[in-house]
N, C-alpha and C. Protein backbone atom coordinates (compact mmCIF):
# COMPACT_ATOMS: atom_id res chain seq x y z
N MET A 1 -13.04 27.74 14.63
CA MET A 1 -12.64 26.40 15.48
C MET A 1 -13.99 25.19 14.82
N LYS A 2 -15.08 25.72 14.68
CA LYS A 2 -15.89 25.18 14.18
C LYS A 2 -15.91 24.81 12.61
N THR A 3 -15.21 25.85 11.75
CA THR A 3 -14.94 25.31 10.70
C THR A 3 -13.78 24.42 10.31
N ARG A 4 -12.98 24.36 11.16
CA ARG A 4 -11.62 23.36 11.27
C ARG A 4 -12.39 22.16 11.62
N ARG A 5 -13.02 21.87 12.40
CA ARG A 5 -14.01 20.46 13.13
C ARG A 5 -14.60 20.01 11.84
N PHE A 6 -15.36 20.79 11.53
CA PHE A 6 -16.25 20.58 10.01
C PHE A 6 -15.35 19.76 8.86
N ALA A 7 -14.50 20.60 8.80
CA ALA A 7 -13.43 20.56 7.63
C ALA A 7 -12.54 18.66 8.05
N ILE A 8 -12.36 18.71 9.24
CA ILE A 8 -11.92 17.34 9.69
C ILE A 8 -12.92 16.34 9.32
N VAL A 9 -14.09 16.56 9.75
CA VAL A 9 -15.18 15.19 9.89
C VAL A 9 -15.69 15.13 8.38
N LEU A 10 -15.54 16.22 7.62
CA LEU A 10 -15.50 15.69 6.15
C LEU A 10 -14.55 15.38 5.33
N SER A 11 -13.43 15.45 6.11
CA SER A 11 -12.24 14.93 5.31
C SER A 11 -12.33 13.17 5.42
N THR A 12 -12.55 12.89 6.81
CA THR A 12 -12.82 11.57 7.15
C THR A 12 -13.95 10.91 6.71
N LEU A 13 -15.15 11.63 6.28
CA LEU A 13 -16.53 10.79 5.65
C LEU A 13 -15.61 10.36 4.28
N ALA A 14 -15.22 11.39 3.69
CA ALA A 14 -14.68 11.22 2.36
C ALA A 14 -13.83 10.20 2.31
N ALA A 15 -12.80 10.10 3.27
CA ALA A 15 -11.86 9.16 3.37
C ALA A 15 -12.56 7.78 3.25
N VAL A 16 -13.65 7.57 4.17
CA VAL A 16 -14.35 6.27 4.46
C VAL A 16 -15.36 6.02 3.39
N LEU A 17 -15.62 6.85 2.80
CA LEU A 17 -16.40 6.81 1.15
C LEU A 17 -15.59 6.14 0.50
N VAL A 18 -14.50 6.70 0.10
CA VAL A 18 -13.43 6.09 -0.89
C VAL A 18 -13.09 4.90 -0.70
N THR A 19 -12.84 4.23 0.64
CA THR A 19 -12.45 3.14 1.18
C THR A 19 -13.96 2.24 0.84
N VAL A 20 -14.97 2.50 1.23
CA VAL A 20 -15.98 1.63 1.03
C VAL A 20 -16.51 1.44 -0.59
N THR A 21 -15.93 2.29 -1.12
CA THR A 21 -16.29 2.50 -2.79
C THR A 21 -15.52 1.41 -3.20
N ASN A 22 -14.11 1.78 -3.10
CA ASN A 22 -13.35 0.68 -3.56
C ASN A 22 -13.32 -0.77 -3.11
N THR A 23 -13.46 -0.73 -2.07
CA THR A 23 -13.80 -2.26 -1.50
C THR A 23 -14.67 -2.86 -2.29
N PHE A 24 -16.09 -2.13 -2.44
CA PHE A 24 -17.24 -2.60 -3.41
C PHE A 24 -16.97 -2.75 -4.67
N ALA A 25 -16.25 -2.10 -5.34
CA ALA A 25 -15.68 -2.27 -6.77
C ALA A 25 -14.99 -3.54 -6.87
N GLN A 26 -13.78 -3.50 -5.77
CA GLN A 26 -12.80 -4.78 -5.89
C GLN A 26 -13.98 -6.17 -5.68
N ALA A 27 -14.98 -6.19 -4.94
CA ALA A 27 -15.74 -7.11 -4.54
C ALA A 27 -16.91 -7.56 -5.69
N SER A 28 -17.10 -6.61 -6.42
CA SER A 28 -17.81 -6.73 -7.62
C SER A 28 -17.31 -7.64 -8.72
N ASN A 29 -16.01 -7.90 -8.73
CA ASN A 29 -15.51 -8.74 -9.84
C ASN A 29 -14.80 -9.93 -9.16
N PRO A 30 -14.98 -11.15 -9.37
CA PRO A 30 -14.81 -12.15 -8.52
C PRO A 30 -13.45 -12.21 -8.79
N ARG A 31 -12.83 -11.94 -10.02
CA ARG A 31 -11.64 -12.31 -10.49
C ARG A 31 -10.33 -11.46 -9.94
N PHE A 32 -10.85 -10.75 -9.06
CA PHE A 32 -9.56 -9.78 -8.74
C PHE A 32 -9.33 -10.42 -7.76
N GLY A 33 -7.43 -10.39 -7.82
CA GLY A 33 -7.06 -11.32 -6.72
C GLY A 33 -5.56 -11.24 -7.44
N VAL A 34 -4.95 -12.47 -7.20
CA VAL A 34 -3.69 -12.69 -7.36
C VAL A 34 -3.88 -14.41 -7.74
N TRP A 35 -3.19 -15.16 -8.67
CA TRP A 35 -3.52 -16.28 -9.24
C TRP A 35 -2.27 -16.92 -9.83
N LYS A 36 -1.83 -18.27 -9.16
CA LYS A 36 -0.74 -18.63 -9.41
C LYS A 36 -1.00 -19.96 -10.50
N LEU A 37 0.14 -20.14 -11.37
CA LEU A 37 -0.14 -21.66 -12.34
C LEU A 37 -0.01 -22.61 -11.71
N GLU A 38 -1.15 -23.65 -12.01
CA GLU A 38 -0.60 -25.05 -11.28
C GLU A 38 0.42 -25.39 -12.48
N SER A 39 1.56 -26.20 -11.77
CA SER A 39 2.62 -26.38 -12.99
C SER A 39 3.52 -27.48 -12.12
N THR A 40 3.88 -28.40 -12.96
CA THR A 40 5.10 -29.69 -12.61
C THR A 40 6.30 -29.33 -12.80
N ALA A 41 6.42 -27.77 -13.86
CA ALA A 41 8.00 -27.47 -14.10
C ALA A 41 8.73 -27.33 -12.82
N PRO A 42 9.93 -27.64 -12.70
CA PRO A 42 10.86 -27.28 -11.81
C PRO A 42 11.02 -25.67 -11.54
N PRO A 43 11.62 -25.41 -10.15
CA PRO A 43 11.64 -24.20 -9.85
C PRO A 43 13.14 -23.79 -10.88
N PRO A 44 13.28 -22.58 -11.37
CA PRO A 44 12.56 -21.32 -10.53
C PRO A 44 11.25 -21.19 -11.80
N SER A 45 10.82 -21.85 -12.46
CA SER A 45 9.49 -21.78 -13.18
C SER A 45 8.11 -21.11 -12.51
N SER A 46 7.57 -20.32 -12.92
CA SER A 46 6.27 -19.73 -12.14
C SER A 46 5.65 -18.79 -13.11
N ASN A 47 4.47 -19.00 -12.89
CA ASN A 47 3.39 -17.85 -13.72
C ASN A 47 2.36 -17.34 -12.57
N VAL A 48 2.46 -15.93 -12.41
CA VAL A 48 1.53 -15.48 -11.50
C VAL A 48 0.61 -14.28 -12.39
N MET A 49 -0.87 -14.26 -12.34
CA MET A 49 -1.47 -13.15 -13.00
C MET A 49 -2.18 -12.48 -11.81
N THR A 50 -2.21 -11.22 -11.96
CA THR A 50 -2.71 -10.25 -11.02
C THR A 50 -3.65 -9.71 -11.55
N TYR A 51 -5.27 -9.65 -11.14
CA TYR A 51 -6.26 -9.05 -11.81
C TYR A 51 -6.87 -7.95 -10.79
N GLU A 52 -6.68 -6.56 -10.98
CA GLU A 52 -6.90 -5.44 -10.43
C GLU A 52 -7.82 -4.58 -11.00
N PRO A 53 -8.77 -3.60 -10.09
CA PRO A 53 -9.57 -2.82 -10.81
C PRO A 53 -8.82 -1.70 -11.70
N TYR A 54 -9.52 -1.42 -12.64
CA TYR A 54 -9.00 0.04 -13.62
C TYR A 54 -10.14 0.43 -13.96
N GLY A 55 -9.96 2.14 -13.40
CA GLY A 55 -11.08 2.90 -14.07
C GLY A 55 -12.52 2.62 -13.23
N ASP A 56 -13.55 2.59 -13.69
CA ASP A 56 -14.62 2.49 -13.24
C ASP A 56 -15.18 1.14 -13.02
N ASP A 57 -15.19 0.32 -14.35
CA ASP A 57 -15.51 -1.10 -14.68
C ASP A 57 -14.49 -1.97 -15.05
N GLY A 58 -13.29 -1.35 -15.56
CA GLY A 58 -12.41 -2.18 -16.03
C GLY A 58 -11.31 -2.62 -14.97
N MET A 59 -10.48 -3.84 -15.65
CA MET A 59 -9.53 -4.45 -15.13
C MET A 59 -8.01 -4.39 -15.64
N ARG A 60 -6.99 -4.13 -14.87
CA ARG A 60 -5.68 -4.36 -15.32
C ARG A 60 -5.30 -5.65 -14.83
N ILE A 61 -4.56 -6.28 -15.78
CA ILE A 61 -4.23 -7.65 -15.52
C ILE A 61 -2.59 -7.72 -15.88
N THR A 62 -1.72 -8.32 -14.85
CA THR A 62 -0.24 -8.11 -14.93
C THR A 62 0.20 -9.76 -14.66
N VAL A 63 1.23 -10.00 -15.83
CA VAL A 63 1.52 -11.47 -15.85
C VAL A 63 3.24 -11.18 -15.42
N GLU A 64 3.49 -11.92 -14.44
CA GLU A 64 4.75 -12.07 -14.31
C GLU A 64 5.34 -13.65 -14.17
N SER A 65 6.17 -13.96 -15.06
CA SER A 65 6.66 -15.27 -15.20
C SER A 65 8.18 -15.53 -15.30
N THR A 66 8.48 -16.49 -14.77
CA THR A 66 10.07 -16.95 -14.66
C THR A 66 9.94 -18.50 -15.63
N ASN A 67 11.06 -18.26 -16.65
CA ASN A 67 11.02 -19.92 -16.93
C ASN A 67 12.32 -20.70 -16.67
N ALA A 68 12.28 -21.82 -16.97
CA ALA A 68 13.30 -22.66 -16.50
C ALA A 68 14.40 -22.35 -15.91
N ARG A 69 15.09 -21.44 -17.22
CA ARG A 69 16.52 -20.84 -17.02
C ARG A 69 16.36 -19.54 -16.39
N GLY A 70 15.29 -19.39 -15.68
CA GLY A 70 15.55 -18.05 -14.39
C GLY A 70 15.38 -16.99 -15.03
N GLN A 71 14.66 -16.74 -16.38
CA GLN A 71 14.72 -15.67 -17.08
C GLN A 71 13.18 -15.07 -16.65
N HIS A 72 13.32 -13.84 -16.14
CA HIS A 72 11.89 -13.19 -15.81
C HIS A 72 11.21 -12.26 -16.76
N SER A 73 10.14 -12.22 -16.72
CA SER A 73 9.08 -11.11 -17.85
C SER A 73 7.97 -10.66 -16.78
N LYS A 74 7.58 -9.71 -17.34
CA LYS A 74 6.50 -8.68 -16.77
C LYS A 74 5.48 -8.26 -17.95
N TRP A 75 4.56 -8.34 -17.94
CA TRP A 75 3.41 -7.47 -19.30
C TRP A 75 2.37 -7.21 -18.43
N SER A 76 1.68 -6.30 -19.00
CA SER A 76 0.23 -5.92 -18.21
C SER A 76 -0.76 -5.32 -19.50
N TYR A 77 -1.94 -5.82 -19.30
CA TYR A 77 -3.03 -4.80 -20.24
C TYR A 77 -4.22 -4.23 -19.17
N VAL A 78 -5.09 -3.50 -19.78
CA VAL A 78 -6.10 -3.00 -19.23
C VAL A 78 -7.43 -3.30 -20.50
N THR A 79 -8.09 -3.76 -19.55
CA THR A 79 -9.72 -3.78 -20.57
C THR A 79 -10.69 -3.36 -19.76
N LEU A 80 -11.80 -2.86 -20.64
CA LEU A 80 -13.09 -2.50 -20.11
C LEU A 80 -13.93 -3.66 -20.78
N PHE A 81 -13.77 -4.77 -20.82
CA PHE A 81 -14.71 -5.73 -21.48
C PHE A 81 -15.64 -5.50 -22.60
N ASP A 82 -14.96 -4.51 -23.56
CA ASP A 82 -15.82 -4.13 -24.72
C ASP A 82 -15.30 -4.69 -26.02
N GLY A 83 -14.41 -5.48 -25.82
CA GLY A 83 -13.93 -6.23 -26.86
C GLY A 83 -13.06 -5.14 -27.99
N ALA A 84 -12.54 -4.26 -27.49
CA ALA A 84 -11.82 -3.24 -28.07
C ALA A 84 -10.15 -3.53 -27.64
N PHE A 85 -9.46 -3.65 -28.46
CA PHE A 85 -7.95 -3.65 -28.83
C PHE A 85 -7.40 -2.91 -27.90
N ARG A 86 -6.34 -3.03 -27.13
CA ARG A 86 -5.66 -2.17 -26.38
C ARG A 86 -4.27 -2.68 -26.17
N PRO A 87 -3.26 -1.67 -26.03
CA PRO A 87 -1.89 -1.97 -26.11
C PRO A 87 -1.29 -2.86 -24.98
N VAL A 88 -0.34 -3.97 -25.04
CA VAL A 88 -0.01 -4.72 -24.01
C VAL A 88 1.35 -4.15 -23.68
N MET A 89 1.51 -3.55 -22.53
CA MET A 89 2.67 -2.85 -21.90
C MET A 89 3.74 -4.03 -21.58
N GLY A 90 4.98 -3.87 -22.22
CA GLY A 90 6.14 -4.93 -22.11
C GLY A 90 5.98 -6.13 -22.88
N GLN A 91 5.19 -5.60 -24.11
CA GLN A 91 5.22 -6.38 -25.36
C GLN A 91 4.91 -5.82 -26.45
N GLU A 92 6.24 -5.55 -27.28
CA GLU A 92 6.19 -4.41 -28.17
C GLU A 92 5.20 -4.89 -29.08
N GLY A 93 4.26 -4.13 -29.67
CA GLY A 93 3.42 -4.45 -30.76
C GLY A 93 2.19 -5.14 -30.64
N ALA A 94 2.24 -5.60 -29.28
CA ALA A 94 1.07 -6.90 -29.07
C ALA A 94 -0.30 -5.76 -28.47
N GLU A 95 -1.57 -6.40 -28.64
CA GLU A 95 -2.79 -5.87 -28.06
C GLU A 95 -3.70 -6.86 -27.86
N THR A 96 -4.55 -6.70 -27.09
CA THR A 96 -5.57 -7.49 -26.43
C THR A 96 -6.81 -6.68 -26.70
N ALA A 97 -7.83 -7.55 -26.57
CA ALA A 97 -8.89 -7.45 -26.31
C ALA A 97 -9.64 -8.31 -25.73
N VAL A 98 -10.63 -7.83 -24.60
CA VAL A 98 -11.53 -8.97 -23.91
C VAL A 98 -12.78 -8.69 -24.13
N GLU A 99 -13.85 -9.76 -24.12
CA GLU A 99 -15.08 -9.59 -24.17
C GLU A 99 -15.86 -10.68 -23.38
N ILE A 100 -16.75 -9.92 -22.45
CA ILE A 100 -17.72 -11.13 -21.71
C ILE A 100 -18.29 -12.17 -22.30
N VAL A 101 -18.50 -13.19 -21.99
CA VAL A 101 -18.96 -14.69 -22.62
C VAL A 101 -20.23 -15.28 -21.81
N ASN A 102 -19.97 -14.70 -20.60
CA ASN A 102 -21.05 -15.03 -19.66
C ASN A 102 -20.60 -14.54 -17.91
N GLU A 103 -21.23 -14.60 -17.26
CA GLU A 103 -20.70 -14.50 -15.99
C GLU A 103 -19.49 -15.06 -15.11
N ASN A 104 -19.18 -15.83 -15.82
CA ASN A 104 -17.85 -17.19 -15.50
C ASN A 104 -16.79 -16.88 -16.75
N THR A 105 -17.30 -16.37 -17.72
CA THR A 105 -16.33 -16.49 -18.96
C THR A 105 -15.88 -15.43 -19.56
N THR A 106 -14.48 -15.16 -19.91
CA THR A 106 -14.05 -14.43 -20.86
C THR A 106 -13.58 -14.58 -22.11
N ARG A 107 -13.66 -13.88 -23.12
CA ARG A 107 -12.74 -14.55 -24.32
C ARG A 107 -11.70 -13.51 -24.32
N ILE A 108 -10.69 -14.02 -24.54
CA ILE A 108 -9.23 -12.86 -24.62
C ILE A 108 -8.56 -13.07 -26.33
N SER A 109 -8.60 -12.16 -26.91
CA SER A 109 -7.80 -12.20 -28.07
C SER A 109 -6.91 -11.25 -28.39
N ASN A 110 -5.63 -11.89 -28.59
CA ASN A 110 -4.21 -11.37 -28.66
C ASN A 110 -4.18 -11.44 -30.24
N ALA A 111 -3.50 -10.17 -30.36
CA ALA A 111 -2.89 -9.71 -31.60
C ALA A 111 -1.56 -9.04 -31.77
N ARG A 112 -1.05 -9.11 -32.94
CA ARG A 112 0.37 -8.69 -33.52
C ARG A 112 0.38 -8.17 -34.94
N GLY A 113 0.38 -7.07 -35.15
CA GLY A 113 0.61 -6.57 -36.36
C GLY A 113 -0.76 -6.71 -36.89
N GLY A 114 -2.03 -6.42 -36.12
CA GLY A 114 -3.48 -6.29 -36.53
C GLY A 114 -3.95 -7.73 -36.70
N ARG A 115 -2.97 -8.61 -36.43
CA ARG A 115 -3.67 -10.00 -36.66
C ARG A 115 -3.66 -10.90 -35.61
N VAL A 116 -4.68 -11.36 -35.11
CA VAL A 116 -5.27 -12.33 -33.86
C VAL A 116 -4.52 -13.88 -34.08
N TYR A 117 -3.71 -14.04 -33.07
CA TYR A 117 -2.64 -15.38 -33.27
C TYR A 117 -3.46 -16.33 -32.14
N GLN A 118 -4.00 -15.59 -31.26
CA GLN A 118 -4.43 -16.41 -30.26
C GLN A 118 -5.49 -16.13 -29.68
N VAL A 119 -6.46 -17.01 -29.08
CA VAL A 119 -7.71 -16.71 -28.29
C VAL A 119 -7.63 -17.40 -26.99
N ILE A 120 -8.21 -16.87 -26.13
CA ILE A 120 -7.95 -17.45 -24.65
C ILE A 120 -9.48 -17.72 -24.06
N ILE A 121 -9.92 -18.73 -24.00
CA ILE A 121 -11.06 -18.68 -23.16
C ILE A 121 -10.89 -18.85 -21.65
N ASN A 122 -11.22 -17.87 -20.84
CA ASN A 122 -10.88 -17.63 -19.59
C ASN A 122 -11.96 -18.05 -18.85
N THR A 123 -12.00 -19.08 -17.96
CA THR A 123 -13.53 -19.51 -17.03
C THR A 123 -13.00 -19.53 -15.65
N LEU A 124 -13.68 -18.89 -14.71
CA LEU A 124 -13.81 -18.61 -13.43
C LEU A 124 -14.71 -19.92 -13.09
N SER A 125 -14.16 -20.71 -11.95
CA SER A 125 -14.92 -21.70 -11.29
C SER A 125 -16.10 -21.03 -10.91
N GLU A 126 -17.23 -22.27 -10.44
CA GLU A 126 -18.40 -21.70 -9.56
C GLU A 126 -18.01 -21.15 -8.10
N ASP A 127 -16.94 -21.71 -7.57
CA ASP A 127 -16.18 -21.28 -5.94
C ASP A 127 -15.52 -20.22 -6.32
N GLY A 128 -14.91 -19.71 -7.46
CA GLY A 128 -14.31 -18.67 -7.60
C GLY A 128 -12.67 -18.67 -7.06
N ASP A 129 -12.04 -20.11 -6.98
CA ASP A 129 -11.19 -20.28 -6.64
C ASP A 129 -9.92 -20.90 -7.70
N THR A 130 -10.75 -20.96 -8.89
CA THR A 130 -10.05 -21.40 -10.18
C THR A 130 -10.16 -20.67 -11.18
N ILE A 131 -9.40 -20.44 -12.16
CA ILE A 131 -9.36 -19.96 -13.73
C ILE A 131 -8.75 -21.08 -14.19
N THR A 132 -9.43 -21.17 -15.32
CA THR A 132 -8.93 -22.41 -16.46
C THR A 132 -9.00 -21.48 -17.62
N ASN A 133 -7.86 -21.65 -18.38
CA ASN A 133 -7.55 -20.75 -19.55
C ASN A 133 -7.60 -22.11 -20.67
N GLU A 134 -8.04 -22.00 -21.91
CA GLU A 134 -8.06 -22.88 -22.79
C GLU A 134 -7.38 -21.74 -23.87
N TYR A 135 -6.15 -22.16 -24.34
CA TYR A 135 -5.35 -21.19 -25.14
C TYR A 135 -5.51 -21.89 -26.73
N VAL A 136 -6.14 -21.26 -27.45
CA VAL A 136 -6.08 -21.61 -28.90
C VAL A 136 -5.34 -20.93 -30.03
N ARG A 137 -4.33 -21.65 -30.39
CA ARG A 137 -3.53 -20.71 -31.25
C ARG A 137 -3.85 -20.98 -32.71
N LEU A 138 -3.71 -19.79 -33.06
CA LEU A 138 -4.17 -19.49 -34.72
C LEU A 138 -3.09 -19.44 -35.78
N ASP A 139 -2.94 -20.00 -36.97
CA ASP A 139 -2.28 -19.58 -37.93
C ASP A 139 -2.52 -18.16 -38.65
N GLU A 140 -1.94 -17.86 -39.65
CA GLU A 140 -2.16 -16.66 -40.53
C GLU A 140 -3.41 -16.77 -41.22
N ASN A 141 -4.06 -17.37 -41.56
CA ASN A 141 -5.33 -17.78 -42.16
C ASN A 141 -6.64 -18.02 -40.85
N GLY A 142 -6.27 -17.96 -39.43
CA GLY A 142 -7.30 -17.98 -38.76
C GLY A 142 -7.76 -19.40 -38.33
N ASP A 143 -6.70 -20.47 -38.94
CA ASP A 143 -6.92 -21.78 -38.72
C ASP A 143 -6.34 -22.21 -37.35
N ILE A 144 -6.89 -23.32 -36.46
CA ILE A 144 -6.40 -23.57 -35.09
C ILE A 144 -5.36 -24.30 -35.78
N VAL A 145 -4.07 -23.97 -34.85
CA VAL A 145 -3.19 -25.01 -34.93
C VAL A 145 -2.73 -26.03 -33.77
N ARG A 146 -3.36 -25.23 -32.92
CA ARG A 146 -2.95 -26.01 -31.29
C ARG A 146 -4.10 -25.31 -30.11
N VAL A 147 -4.13 -26.30 -28.94
CA VAL A 147 -4.75 -25.86 -28.16
C VAL A 147 -4.10 -26.49 -26.94
N ASN A 148 -3.85 -25.43 -26.09
CA ASN A 148 -3.44 -25.80 -24.94
C ASN A 148 -4.07 -25.45 -23.52
N HIS A 149 -4.15 -25.99 -22.46
CA HIS A 149 -4.79 -25.75 -21.09
C HIS A 149 -3.90 -25.28 -19.83
N ALA A 150 -4.61 -24.73 -18.96
CA ALA A 150 -3.63 -24.16 -17.92
C ALA A 150 -4.87 -23.92 -16.88
N ILE A 151 -4.48 -24.06 -15.60
CA ILE A 151 -4.95 -24.05 -14.37
C ILE A 151 -4.27 -23.06 -13.37
N TYR A 152 -5.00 -21.93 -12.94
CA TYR A 152 -4.60 -21.17 -12.05
C TYR A 152 -5.24 -21.10 -10.89
N GLN A 153 -4.66 -21.04 -9.39
CA GLN A 153 -5.49 -21.11 -8.27
C GLN A 153 -5.17 -19.98 -7.61
N ARG A 154 -6.10 -19.53 -7.07
CA ARG A 154 -6.47 -18.25 -6.40
C ARG A 154 -5.28 -18.26 -4.99
N VAL A 155 -4.18 -17.11 -5.05
CA VAL A 155 -3.40 -17.31 -3.94
C VAL A 155 -3.46 -15.91 -2.95
N GLY A 156 -4.37 -14.99 -3.59
CA GLY A 156 -4.55 -13.75 -2.81
C GLY A 156 -5.55 -13.10 -3.39
């Protein structure tokens, strides 16, 4: 009976430890959560990014979007913030690498066929409620051909 009670107490403590550890890990990166694009496009257009923990120090980013014609897409990637290219699930032949610039900013490089075609400067606001993306589109020579901006608000 004592052995069973000890096993139950030990199991309960392990579950509490896992919960506390996961909560701390999630709180350790202020980007974790759900973010919605500010847009004036009429429904059904939408773009939602979800940032969640991956492994010990990484992040999984999932993007779900619907265009004006109602076509839905979903893709995701993981990063360890080490600048290494990793595959993008849901976009054949695409790879993404993420580097930390400073505590509020990351640099995201998107590539296809080994060529970087876009660099995104992703900046988290001081209050942690807004992400601003600067999208820099590059041609085959690495020259800038277009720059766009987007603002995402935390919704979860």
